[in-house]
Amino acid sequence: MKEKKFDVAIIGGGVVGAAIARKLSSYDIAAVLLEKECDVSFGVSKANSGIIHGGFHHGPGYLKSRLEVQGNRMFDQLEEELHFPFKRCGIVVAAFSEEEMKTVQQLYRNGEANKIIGLELCNRARILELEPKLNRDVVGGLYAPAGGIIEPYRFVFSLVESAVKNGVKLLTDFEVVSAQRSNDHYEIRSSTGDIIFSKWVINAAGLFADRVSSVFGAEEFRIIPRKGEEFLLGRDSSSRPEHVIFPVPGAVSKGILVIPTVEGTTMIGPTAREQESKDDFSTTEENLNKVFSSARRLIPSLSQREIITSFAGLRPALKGGDFYIGISGQQPGFIQVAGIQSPGLTAVPAIAEYVKDLLKKDGLVLTEKIDYDPSIPDLPRIRYSDNNEIDSLIKENPAFGRIVCRCESVSEAEIVAAVRNGHTTLDGVKFYTRAQMGKCQGGFCTDRIVKIISRETGMDIGSITKRGRGTYLARNRIGDFEVKDEYSRV
């Protein structure tokens, strides 16, 4: 890569960095988004619970509360422009004792102080009317209709697609290992020897924000990885609720949730355990049993037999529990955006606005682009379409009639679109299309996806990876599956 000069370099291609990149793409500046993985959303964001929070867990004394409330209100317009899966299904907090109802009342007061519209304190009859699958022992709770669910990786992909469309440069496989300031620029070097120059740097590196801050000689702090194990039930689960179900929160976390994901599955979790490793994403049978024991207190009919997969995510926690967003006091032109855990996904549109204002305060001149276009094309998807729409799609492009992933009804045309948008790994295609996310977890479609990636990119099958960095697939075979040509058809 040739040396490049930018006004702003954003380090971290998760949801925070993506939202900031999109916001800055509306101004007449040169910006670059740097991601150490081979694709965006491959870090913290890939294992997010996908909840748009309701603004009641914390009072107005927290920065994250203010940004959560502001961010929540921005998602309807974002969905119109970026076409990611999003639904305001509402949030229910279920209490099982009068003591827990006292905590619920405090949550209600938090929400009132944050000026949340529509919050409702519920007695037993009302909470069961809202959510009939709840444990009949429930005594009451809280209802937040503005809460919702979202597919987080599709949100990140859409943000980045919009940012790139409007001029942001995306550099993947760019792991920042050194930085040196000279005159009014930082010289930033990657692990592969690539160099860029930038006047301002935004540290949105998630789990690795502490390391990035150290590389730049800025503030010292410690990101504490907090593991959350989650378990996913299939689309046919009879226990799926209509709302996101929260227990009454504890001192450390919001507890074990039951989440009806926006794409039809049901998620149970997460756990909350601090650990030293930033690479340990293991799940255990012990925690599975603990999670379901807690979740069945909310919905007794939940069954472990309906699990189709499990995964773990690491939250980038900081001591004190609030977001750390501010202009560095140690290095010029350096903005810290760290400790963005729950409700970070909800807050990100507001975080992007907040960071933009910090850059202006620090001297960056921001002139709005005359030709800025906030919208990206809405890719047709078979699973959202009725029979007439499917017939029209197939007439226009026969690849819509070739089903690659049966479980999630993903067509060849959608896989091709993912690859042509730069997602050339199995995980990249999975997060873009949902292929491999269904009941068989890729048992049917993996070999077909690999064939399409190879055909569209010219890559040898042996060079295709699951998620980059040495996760290569065996030549001509994917586990026990031979690579084949045929497809299932509508």
Protein backbone atom coordinates (compact mmCIF):
# COMPACT_ATOMS: atom_id res chain seq x y z
CA MET A 1 0.00 0.00 0.00
CA LYS A 2 1.25 3.45 -0.86
CA GLU A 3 1.65 5.96 1.94
CA LYS A 4 -1.58 7.88 2.48
CA LYS A 5 -2.43 11.08 4.33
CA PHE A 6 -5.74 11.60 6.11
CA ASP A 7 -7.38 14.16 8.33
CA VAL A 8 -8.85 11.51 10.66
CA ALA A 9 -7.94 7.88 11.28
CA ILE A 10 -10.48 5.77 13.17
CA ILE A 11 -8.96 2.68 14.77
CA GLY A 12 -11.48 -0.14 15.14
CA GLY A 13 -14.04 -1.47 12.65
CA GLY A 14 -16.71 -2.48 15.15
CA VAL A 15 -20.02 -0.74 15.61
CA VAL A 16 -18.48 2.28 17.36
CA GLY A 17 -15.80 2.94 14.74
CA ALA A 18 -18.30 2.25 11.94
CA ALA A 19 -20.81 4.77 13.30
CA ILE A 20 -18.11 7.42 13.70
CA ALA A 21 -16.82 6.74 10.17
CA ARG A 22 -20.29 7.15 8.71
CA LYS A 23 -20.87 10.39 10.58
CA LEU A 24 -17.57 11.85 9.41
CA SER A 25 -18.29 10.76 5.83
CA SER A 26 -20.88 13.54 5.67
CA TYR A 27 -18.12 16.17 5.93
CA ASP A 28 -15.53 17.33 3.45
CA ILE A 29 -12.54 15.64 5.09
CA ALA A 30 -10.30 12.65 4.33
CA ALA A 31 -11.03 9.84 6.79
CA VAL A 32 -9.83 6.24 7.08
CA LEU A 33 -11.22 3.32 9.07
CA LEU A 34 -8.53 0.89 10.27
CA GLU A 35 -9.49 -2.67 11.26
CA LYS A 36 -7.03 -5.34 12.37
CA GLU A 37 -9.25 -8.24 11.24
CA CYS A 38 -9.99 -9.17 7.63
CA ASP A 39 -13.50 -7.73 7.83
CA VAL A 40 -15.45 -5.28 9.95
CA SER A 41 -17.66 -6.48 12.84
CA PHE A 42 -15.34 -9.43 13.58
CA GLY A 43 -14.48 -8.26 17.11
CA VAL A 44 -16.80 -7.35 19.98
CA SER A 45 -19.67 -6.49 17.62
CA LYS A 46 -20.08 -9.98 16.16
CA ALA A 47 -21.27 -11.42 19.50
CA ASN A 48 -23.51 -8.58 20.61
CA SER A 49 -26.93 -9.46 22.05
CA GLY A 50 -28.58 -7.09 19.57
CA ILE A 51 -30.73 -5.15 22.04
CA ILE A 52 -31.76 -1.52 21.65
CA HIS A 53 -32.06 -0.56 25.30
CA GLY A 54 -34.89 1.43 26.85
CA GLY A 55 -32.98 4.05 28.85
CA PHE A 56 -33.94 3.00 32.38
CA HIS A 57 -31.08 0.94 33.82
CA HIS A 58 -29.03 3.99 34.85
CA GLY A 59 -29.92 7.50 35.92
CA PRO A 60 -28.94 10.72 34.13
CA GLY A 61 -25.64 11.03 36.03
CA TYR A 62 -23.94 8.70 33.55
CA LEU A 63 -22.64 9.70 30.14
CA LYS A 64 -23.80 6.34 28.81
CA SER A 65 -27.36 7.06 29.95
CA ARG A 66 -27.51 10.33 28.06
CA LEU A 67 -26.06 8.78 24.90
CA GLU A 68 -28.28 5.69 25.22
CA VAL A 69 -31.45 7.79 25.32
CA GLN A 70 -30.32 9.99 22.42
CA GLY A 71 -29.13 7.00 20.38
CA ASN A 72 -32.34 5.04 20.87
CA ARG A 73 -34.34 7.82 19.21
CA MET A 74 -32.11 7.79 16.12
CA PHE A 75 -32.65 4.19 15.00
CA ASP A 76 -35.88 4.63 13.04
CA GLN A 77 -34.26 7.05 10.60
CA LEU A 78 -31.09 4.94 10.45
CA GLU A 79 -33.15 1.87 9.53
CA GLU A 80 -34.88 3.80 6.74
CA GLU A 81 -31.51 4.83 5.30
CA LEU A 82 -29.48 1.66 5.88
CA HIS A 83 -32.03 -1.20 5.74
CA PHE A 84 -30.73 -3.37 8.59
CA PRO A 85 -33.12 -5.64 10.53
CA PHE A 86 -34.65 -3.63 13.41
CA LYS A 87 -37.85 -3.86 15.43
CA ARG A 88 -39.21 -1.99 18.43
CA CYS A 89 -40.63 -5.06 20.15
CA GLY A 90 -40.42 -3.50 23.63
CA ILE A 91 -38.65 -4.59 26.82
CA VAL A 92 -40.21 -6.21 29.87
CA VAL A 93 -38.49 -6.42 33.27
CA ALA A 94 -40.04 -9.21 35.37
CA ALA A 95 -40.06 -9.08 39.19
CA PHE A 96 -40.79 -12.08 41.40
CA SER A 97 -40.98 -10.51 44.85
CA GLU A 98 -41.96 -7.27 46.52
CA GLU A 99 -38.26 -6.65 47.16
CA GLU A 100 -37.57 -6.93 43.43
CA MET A 101 -40.48 -4.58 42.76
CA LYS A 102 -38.63 -1.93 44.80
CA THR A 103 -35.76 -2.20 42.32
CA VAL A 104 -38.24 -2.02 39.43
CA GLN A 105 -39.62 1.19 40.90
CA GLN A 106 -36.07 2.61 40.92
CA LEU A 107 -35.67 1.62 37.27
CA TYR A 108 -38.91 3.47 36.55
CA ARG A 109 -37.58 6.56 38.34
CA ASN A 110 -34.36 6.30 36.31
CA GLY A 111 -36.41 6.24 33.13
CA GLU A 112 -38.51 9.20 34.19
CA ALA A 113 -35.36 11.18 35.03
CA ASN A 114 -34.02 10.30 31.57
CA LYS A 115 -37.33 11.53 30.05
CA ILE A 116 -38.23 8.16 28.53
CA ILE A 117 -41.67 8.17 26.92
CA GLY A 118 -44.14 5.34 27.50
CA LEU A 119 -42.56 3.61 30.50
CA GLU A 120 -45.12 1.64 32.46
CA LEU A 121 -45.07 0.15 35.97
CA CYS A 122 -47.02 -3.09 35.72
CA ASN A 123 -48.90 -5.25 38.19
CA ARG A 124 -49.09 -9.03 37.76
CA ALA A 125 -52.12 -8.98 35.49
CA ARG A 126 -50.64 -6.36 33.17
CA ILE A 127 -47.22 -8.00 32.87
CA LEU A 128 -48.84 -11.36 32.02
CA GLU A 129 -51.10 -9.65 29.51
CA LEU A 130 -48.02 -8.23 27.80
CA GLU A 131 -46.07 -11.50 27.98
CA PRO A 132 -48.23 -14.60 28.62
CA LYS A 133 -45.24 -16.98 28.51
CA LEU A 134 -43.79 -15.49 31.70
CA ASN A 135 -43.60 -17.55 34.86
CA ARG A 136 -46.98 -17.33 36.63
CA ASP A 137 -45.13 -16.51 39.85
CA VAL A 138 -44.32 -13.02 38.50
CA VAL A 139 -45.65 -10.24 40.75
CA GLY A 140 -45.17 -7.28 38.40
CA GLY A 141 -42.54 -5.42 36.46
CA LEU A 142 -41.66 -2.67 34.02
CA TYR A 143 -42.59 -2.19 30.37
CA ALA A 144 -40.48 -0.03 28.01
CA PRO A 145 -42.13 0.06 24.56
CA ALA A 146 -39.24 1.97 22.95
CA GLY A 147 -36.84 -0.93 23.48
CA GLY A 148 -36.05 -3.12 20.54
CA ILE A 149 -33.89 -5.67 18.75
CA ILE A 150 -31.43 -5.38 15.89
CA GLU A 151 -29.06 -7.58 13.91
CA PRO A 152 -25.76 -6.03 15.03
CA TYR A 153 -23.39 -7.26 12.31
CA ARG A 154 -25.75 -6.18 9.53
CA PHE A 155 -25.90 -2.79 11.24
CA VAL A 156 -22.09 -2.54 11.18
CA PHE A 157 -21.88 -3.63 7.54
CA SER A 158 -24.51 -1.04 6.57
CA LEU A 159 -22.75 1.75 8.45
CA VAL A 160 -19.44 0.92 6.77
CA GLU A 161 -21.02 0.56 3.33
CA SER A 162 -22.54 4.03 3.74
CA ALA A 163 -19.26 5.50 4.99
CA VAL A 164 -17.26 4.02 2.10
CA LYS A 165 -19.88 5.16 -0.42
CA ASN A 166 -19.38 8.69 0.88
CA GLY A 167 -15.59 8.66 0.70
CA VAL A 168 -14.18 6.97 3.81
CA LYS A 169 -11.24 4.68 3.07
CA LEU A 170 -11.48 1.21 4.66
CA LEU A 171 -8.26 -0.66 5.43
CA THR A 172 -8.67 -4.16 6.84
CA ASP A 173 -5.87 -6.43 8.08
CA PHE A 174 -4.35 -3.21 9.46
CA GLU A 175 -3.25 -3.93 13.02
CA VAL A 176 -1.70 -0.79 14.51
CA VAL A 177 1.65 -1.63 16.12
CA SER A 178 3.44 1.73 16.30
CA ALA A 179 2.75 5.43 16.05
CA GLN A 180 4.96 8.49 15.99
CA ARG A 181 3.97 12.14 15.87
CA SER A 182 5.83 14.42 13.52
CA ASN A 183 4.81 18.06 13.00
CA ASP A 184 1.00 17.94 12.91
CA HIS A 185 0.59 14.30 11.81
CA TYR A 186 0.79 10.84 13.30
CA GLU A 187 2.72 8.24 11.35
CA ILE A 188 0.81 5.02 11.95
CA ARG A 189 2.37 1.68 11.04
CA SER A 190 0.64 -1.70 10.75
CA SER A 191 1.98 -5.16 11.61
CA THR A 192 2.58 -5.77 7.88
CA GLY A 193 4.60 -2.56 7.45
CA ASP A 194 1.92 -0.42 5.83
CA ILE A 195 2.03 3.25 6.85
CA ILE A 196 -0.58 5.98 6.88
CA PHE A 197 -0.46 9.57 8.17
CA SER A 198 -3.28 11.31 9.98
CA LYS A 199 -3.77 14.61 11.80
CA TRP A 200 -6.34 13.20 14.22
CA VAL A 201 -6.76 9.68 15.59
CA ILE A 202 -9.86 8.19 17.19
CA ASN A 203 -9.25 5.19 19.42
CA ALA A 204 -12.34 2.99 19.02
CA ALA A 205 -10.47 -0.30 19.32
CA GLY A 206 -12.88 -2.04 21.70
CA LEU A 207 -11.13 -4.78 23.68
CA PHE A 208 -7.78 -3.43 22.56
CA ALA A 209 -8.35 0.27 23.23
CA ASP A 210 -5.92 0.14 26.16
CA ARG A 211 -3.17 -1.26 23.91
CA VAL A 212 -3.83 1.32 21.21
CA SER A 213 -3.72 4.13 23.77
CA SER A 214 -0.36 2.81 24.97
CA VAL A 215 0.99 2.62 21.40
CA PHE A 216 0.23 6.33 20.98
CA GLY A 217 1.66 7.27 24.37
CA ALA A 218 -1.73 8.46 25.56
CA GLU A 219 -3.60 7.69 28.81
CA GLU A 220 -3.00 4.42 30.60
CA PHE A 221 -6.09 2.40 31.48
CA ARG A 222 -7.08 -1.25 31.54
CA ILE A 223 -9.83 -2.85 29.51
CA ILE A 224 -11.25 -5.78 31.46
CA PRO A 225 -12.67 -8.49 29.18
CA ARG A 226 -16.06 -9.54 30.56
CA LYS A 227 -17.18 -12.78 28.95
CA GLY A 228 -20.81 -13.36 28.11
CA GLU A 229 -21.90 -16.82 27.01
CA GLU A 230 -25.11 -17.00 24.97
CA PHE A 231 -27.22 -19.90 23.71
CA LEU A 232 -29.39 -19.76 20.60
CA LEU A 233 -32.68 -21.58 20.09
CA GLY A 234 -34.06 -22.31 16.62
CA ARG A 235 -36.85 -20.46 14.85
CA ASP A 236 -39.37 -23.14 15.83
CA SER A 237 -38.96 -22.61 19.59
CA SER A 238 -42.35 -22.61 21.31
CA SER A 239 -40.88 -20.52 24.15
CA ARG A 240 -40.05 -17.47 22.06
CA PRO A 241 -41.45 -14.34 23.77
CA GLU A 242 -42.82 -11.24 22.06
CA HIS A 243 -40.62 -8.83 24.04
CA VAL A 244 -37.04 -8.78 25.31
CA ILE A 245 -37.34 -10.21 28.84
CA PHE A 246 -35.02 -8.87 31.55
CA PRO A 247 -34.80 -10.07 35.13
CA VAL A 248 -34.38 -7.50 37.86
CA PRO A 249 -30.70 -6.47 37.49
CA GLY A 250 -27.95 -7.31 39.96
CA ALA A 251 -24.89 -5.37 41.04
CA VAL A 252 -22.58 -6.64 38.25
CA SER A 253 -24.81 -7.17 35.22
CA LYS A 254 -28.32 -6.89 33.85
CA GLY A 255 -28.71 -10.65 34.35
CA ILE A 256 -29.72 -13.56 32.12
CA LEU A 257 -32.13 -12.40 29.41
CA VAL A 258 -34.52 -14.08 27.00
CA ILE A 259 -34.23 -12.26 23.67
CA PRO A 260 -36.46 -12.80 20.63
CA THR A 261 -33.90 -11.92 17.95
CA VAL A 262 -35.02 -9.74 15.07
CA GLU A 263 -34.54 -12.64 12.61
CA GLY A 264 -36.76 -15.13 14.47
CA THR A 265 -34.47 -17.15 16.73
CA THR A 266 -34.39 -16.88 20.54
CA MET A 267 -31.24 -15.99 22.47
CA ILE A 268 -30.63 -16.92 26.12
CA GLY A 269 -27.90 -15.14 28.12
CA PRO A 270 -25.43 -13.60 28.59
CA THR A 271 -23.28 -14.60 31.52
CA ALA A 272 -20.92 -11.96 32.95
CA ARG A 273 -17.50 -13.13 34.09
CA GLU A 274 -14.33 -11.06 34.05
CA GLN A 275 -11.21 -12.74 32.69
CA GLU A 276 -7.66 -11.87 31.68
CA SER A 277 -7.70 -13.33 28.18
CA LYS A 278 -8.94 -11.28 25.22
CA ASP A 279 -8.99 -14.39 23.05
CA ASP A 280 -10.95 -16.94 25.12
CA PHE A 281 -14.41 -17.34 23.58
CA SER A 282 -15.14 -20.80 24.94
CA THR A 283 -18.52 -21.89 26.24
CA THR A 284 -19.12 -24.55 28.89
CA GLU A 285 -21.83 -27.02 29.83
CA GLU A 286 -21.67 -25.71 33.39
CA ASN A 287 -22.60 -22.20 32.26
CA LEU A 288 -25.23 -23.56 29.90
CA ASN A 289 -26.97 -25.17 32.87
CA LYS A 290 -26.65 -21.99 34.94
CA VAL A 291 -28.01 -19.83 32.12
CA PHE A 292 -31.04 -22.03 31.56
CA SER A 293 -31.71 -22.33 35.25
CA SER A 294 -31.88 -18.51 35.47
CA ALA A 295 -33.81 -18.13 32.22
CA ARG A 296 -36.44 -20.68 33.23
CA ARG A 297 -37.24 -18.47 36.21
CA LEU A 298 -38.52 -16.05 33.56
CA ILE A 299 -40.02 -18.51 31.06
CA PRO A 300 -40.37 -22.04 32.50
CA SER A 301 -41.01 -23.70 29.13
CA LEU A 302 -37.50 -22.99 27.79
CA SER A 303 -35.82 -26.21 26.67
CA GLN A 304 -32.14 -26.97 26.11
CA ARG A 305 -33.21 -29.45 23.44
CA GLU A 306 -34.00 -26.50 21.17
CA ILE A 307 -30.42 -25.12 21.19
CA ILE A 308 -28.88 -24.86 17.73
CA THR A 309 -25.60 -23.20 18.74
CA SER A 310 -23.73 -21.37 21.48
CA PHE A 311 -21.16 -18.58 21.43
CA ALA A 312 -19.37 -16.13 23.69
CA GLY A 313 -18.59 -12.45 23.41
CA LEU A 314 -16.20 -10.26 25.37
CA ARG A 315 -17.37 -6.87 26.60
CA PRO A 316 -14.66 -4.14 26.90
CA ALA A 317 -15.36 -3.11 30.50
CA LEU A 318 -13.65 -0.30 32.39
CA LYS A 319 -13.59 0.30 36.13
CA GLY A 320 -16.37 2.68 37.08
CA GLY A 321 -18.74 1.25 34.49
CA ASP A 322 -19.23 4.38 32.37
CA PHE A 323 -18.05 5.15 28.84
CA TYR A 324 -14.68 6.86 28.46
CA ILE A 325 -15.01 9.39 25.64
CA GLY A 326 -12.85 12.48 25.52
CA ILE A 327 -9.94 14.41 24.07
CA SER A 328 -6.66 13.01 25.30
CA GLY A 329 -4.79 15.07 27.85
CA GLN A 330 -1.56 13.26 26.96
CA GLN A 331 -1.35 13.44 23.18
CA PRO A 332 -2.59 16.10 20.73
CA GLY A 333 -5.22 15.17 18.15
CA PHE A 334 -6.09 11.93 19.92
CA ILE A 335 -9.67 11.06 20.93
CA GLN A 336 -10.44 8.23 23.36
CA VAL A 337 -13.62 6.20 22.82
CA ALA A 338 -13.22 3.28 25.21
CA GLY A 339 -15.19 1.12 27.61
CA ILE A 340 -18.16 1.02 25.25
CA GLN A 341 -20.08 -1.93 26.63
CA SER A 342 -23.83 -2.19 27.26
CA PRO A 343 -25.74 -0.08 26.26
CA GLY A 344 -23.07 0.79 23.69
CA LEU A 345 -24.94 -0.57 20.65
CA THR A 346 -27.93 1.62 21.49
CA ALA A 347 -25.72 4.64 22.10
CA VAL A 348 -23.52 4.46 18.99
CA PRO A 349 -25.41 6.96 16.80
CA ALA A 350 -25.15 9.48 19.64
CA ILE A 351 -21.52 8.52 20.32
CA ALA A 352 -20.72 9.39 16.71
CA GLU A 353 -22.32 12.83 17.16
CA TYR A 354 -20.45 13.31 20.42
CA VAL A 355 -17.09 12.43 18.86
CA LYS A 356 -17.77 14.72 15.90
CA ASP A 357 -18.31 17.59 18.36
CA LEU A 358 -15.08 16.72 20.17
CA LEU A 359 -13.16 16.88 16.88
CA LYS A 360 -14.64 20.32 16.17
CA LYS A 361 -13.71 21.43 19.68
CA ASP A 362 -10.16 20.18 19.05
CA GLY A 363 -9.81 22.28 15.91
CA LEU A 364 -10.95 20.10 13.01
CA VAL A 365 -12.87 22.16 10.46
CA LEU A 366 -15.99 20.27 9.39
CA THR A 367 -17.82 21.46 6.28
CA GLU A 368 -20.86 19.46 5.22
CA LYS A 369 -20.66 17.73 1.85
CA ILE A 370 -23.11 18.97 -0.75
CA ASP A 371 -23.34 15.52 -2.35
CA TYR A 372 -23.59 13.43 0.84
CA ASP A 373 -26.07 10.56 0.40
CA PRO A 374 -27.12 8.87 3.67
CA SER A 375 -28.88 5.95 1.98
CA ILE A 376 -27.59 2.66 0.59
CA PRO A 377 -29.47 0.22 -1.67
CA ASP A 378 -31.86 -2.22 -0.01
CA LEU A 379 -30.77 -5.70 -1.11
CA PRO A 380 -33.77 -7.97 -1.81
CA ARG A 381 -33.83 -11.06 0.41
CA ILE A 382 -35.90 -14.13 -0.32
CA ARG A 383 -36.98 -14.73 3.28
CA TYR A 384 -38.63 -11.30 3.44
CA SER A 385 -40.43 -11.68 0.09
CA ASP A 386 -43.85 -13.06 -0.84
CA ASN A 387 -44.39 -15.38 -3.81
CA ASN A 388 -45.13 -12.59 -6.29
CA GLU A 389 -42.00 -10.70 -5.24
CA ILE A 390 -39.94 -13.89 -5.52
CA ASP A 391 -41.24 -14.52 -9.04
CA SER A 392 -40.27 -10.99 -10.06
CA LEU A 393 -36.81 -11.34 -8.51
CA ILE A 394 -36.17 -14.62 -10.33
CA LYS A 395 -37.28 -13.15 -13.67
CA GLU A 396 -34.80 -10.32 -13.16
CA ASN A 397 -32.02 -12.54 -11.82
CA PRO A 398 -32.36 -16.37 -11.89
CA ALA A 399 -29.82 -16.63 -9.05
CA PHE A 400 -32.61 -15.59 -6.66
CA GLY A 401 -34.24 -18.94 -7.48
CA ARG A 402 -31.27 -21.01 -6.38
CA ILE A 403 -31.41 -21.52 -2.61
CA VAL A 404 -27.99 -21.97 -1.05
CA CYS A 405 -29.01 -21.98 2.63
CA ARG A 406 -32.25 -23.86 3.26
CA CYS A 407 -32.54 -23.09 6.99
CA GLU A 408 -32.47 -19.31 6.49
CA SER A 409 -33.79 -19.20 2.88
CA VAL A 410 -30.73 -17.47 1.44
CA SER A 411 -30.36 -17.41 -2.33
CA GLU A 412 -27.30 -17.53 -4.52
CA ALA A 413 -27.94 -13.91 -5.51
CA GLU A 414 -27.62 -12.82 -1.87
CA ILE A 415 -24.34 -14.73 -1.44
CA VAL A 416 -23.00 -13.13 -4.61
CA ALA A 417 -23.98 -9.68 -3.32
CA ALA A 418 -22.10 -10.34 -0.07
CA VAL A 419 -18.96 -11.37 -1.93
CA ARG A 420 -19.14 -8.42 -4.33
CA ASN A 421 -19.43 -6.14 -1.30
CA GLY A 422 -16.05 -7.46 -0.12
CA HIS A 423 -17.10 -10.21 2.31
CA THR A 424 -14.96 -13.07 1.05
CA THR A 425 -14.73 -15.28 4.14
CA LEU A 426 -17.29 -17.76 5.43
CA ASP A 427 -17.99 -15.60 8.48
CA GLY A 428 -18.26 -12.46 6.38
CA VAL A 429 -20.86 -14.09 4.16
CA LYS A 430 -22.63 -15.48 7.23
CA PHE A 431 -22.96 -12.11 8.94
CA TYR A 432 -24.06 -10.39 5.71
CA THR A 433 -26.66 -12.96 4.64
CA ARG A 434 -27.38 -15.29 7.63
CA ALA A 435 -26.36 -18.31 5.55
CA GLN A 436 -24.89 -20.92 7.99
CA MET A 437 -26.88 -19.46 10.92
CA GLY A 438 -29.81 -21.87 10.82
CA LYS A 439 -30.59 -25.16 12.44
CA CYS A 440 -27.92 -27.16 10.59
CA GLN A 441 -25.28 -24.46 11.23
CA GLY A 442 -23.86 -24.64 7.72
CA GLY A 443 -24.04 -28.42 7.26
CA PHE A 444 -25.95 -27.99 4.01
CA CYS A 445 -24.67 -24.73 2.59
CA THR A 446 -21.00 -24.32 3.50
CA ASP A 447 -19.58 -26.10 0.46
CA ARG A 448 -21.92 -24.15 -1.84
CA ILE A 449 -20.85 -20.84 -0.32
CA VAL A 450 -17.18 -21.70 -0.79
CA LYS A 451 -17.83 -22.55 -4.42
CA ILE A 452 -19.49 -19.16 -4.99
CA ILE A 453 -16.69 -17.25 -3.25
CA SER A 454 -14.14 -19.04 -5.45
CA ARG A 455 -16.14 -18.41 -8.62
CA GLU A 456 -16.76 -14.73 -7.89
CA THR A 457 -13.25 -13.83 -6.71
CA GLY A 458 -11.02 -16.24 -8.60
CA MET A 459 -9.61 -17.43 -5.27
CA ASP A 460 -8.44 -21.01 -5.05
CA ILE A 461 -10.62 -22.93 -2.59
CA GLY A 462 -7.54 -23.67 -0.51
CA SER A 463 -6.99 -19.95 0.05
CA ILE A 464 -10.52 -19.24 1.30
CA THR A 465 -10.80 -18.84 5.07
CA LYS A 466 -13.44 -18.95 7.75
CA ARG A 467 -12.44 -15.59 9.21
CA GLY A 468 -8.97 -14.73 7.86
CA ARG A 469 -5.59 -15.02 9.60
CA GLY A 470 -4.77 -18.66 8.98
CA THR A 471 -8.28 -20.14 9.30
CA TYR A 472 -7.88 -21.85 5.93
CA LEU A 473 -10.20 -24.55 4.63
CA ALA A 474 -8.88 -27.89 3.40
CA ARG A 475 -8.40 -27.96 -0.35
CA ASN A 476 -11.57 -29.12 -2.13
CA ARG A 477 -13.19 -30.24 1.13
CA ILE A 478 -15.02 -28.55 3.98
CA GLY A 479 -14.93 -30.99 6.87
CA ASP A 480 -16.70 -34.08 5.50
CA PHE A 481 -18.39 -32.20 2.65
CA GLU A 482 -17.09 -32.27 -0.90
CA VAL A 483 -17.40 -29.03 -2.85
CA LYS A 484 -20.22 -29.51 -5.35
CA ASP A 485 -21.96 -27.58 -8.10
CA GLU A 486 -25.65 -28.25 -7.60
CA TYR A 487 -28.05 -26.00 -5.68
CA SER A 488 -31.48 -26.48 -4.19
CA ARG A 489 -34.13 -24.51 -6.08
CA VAL A 490 -37.23 -22.59 -4.97
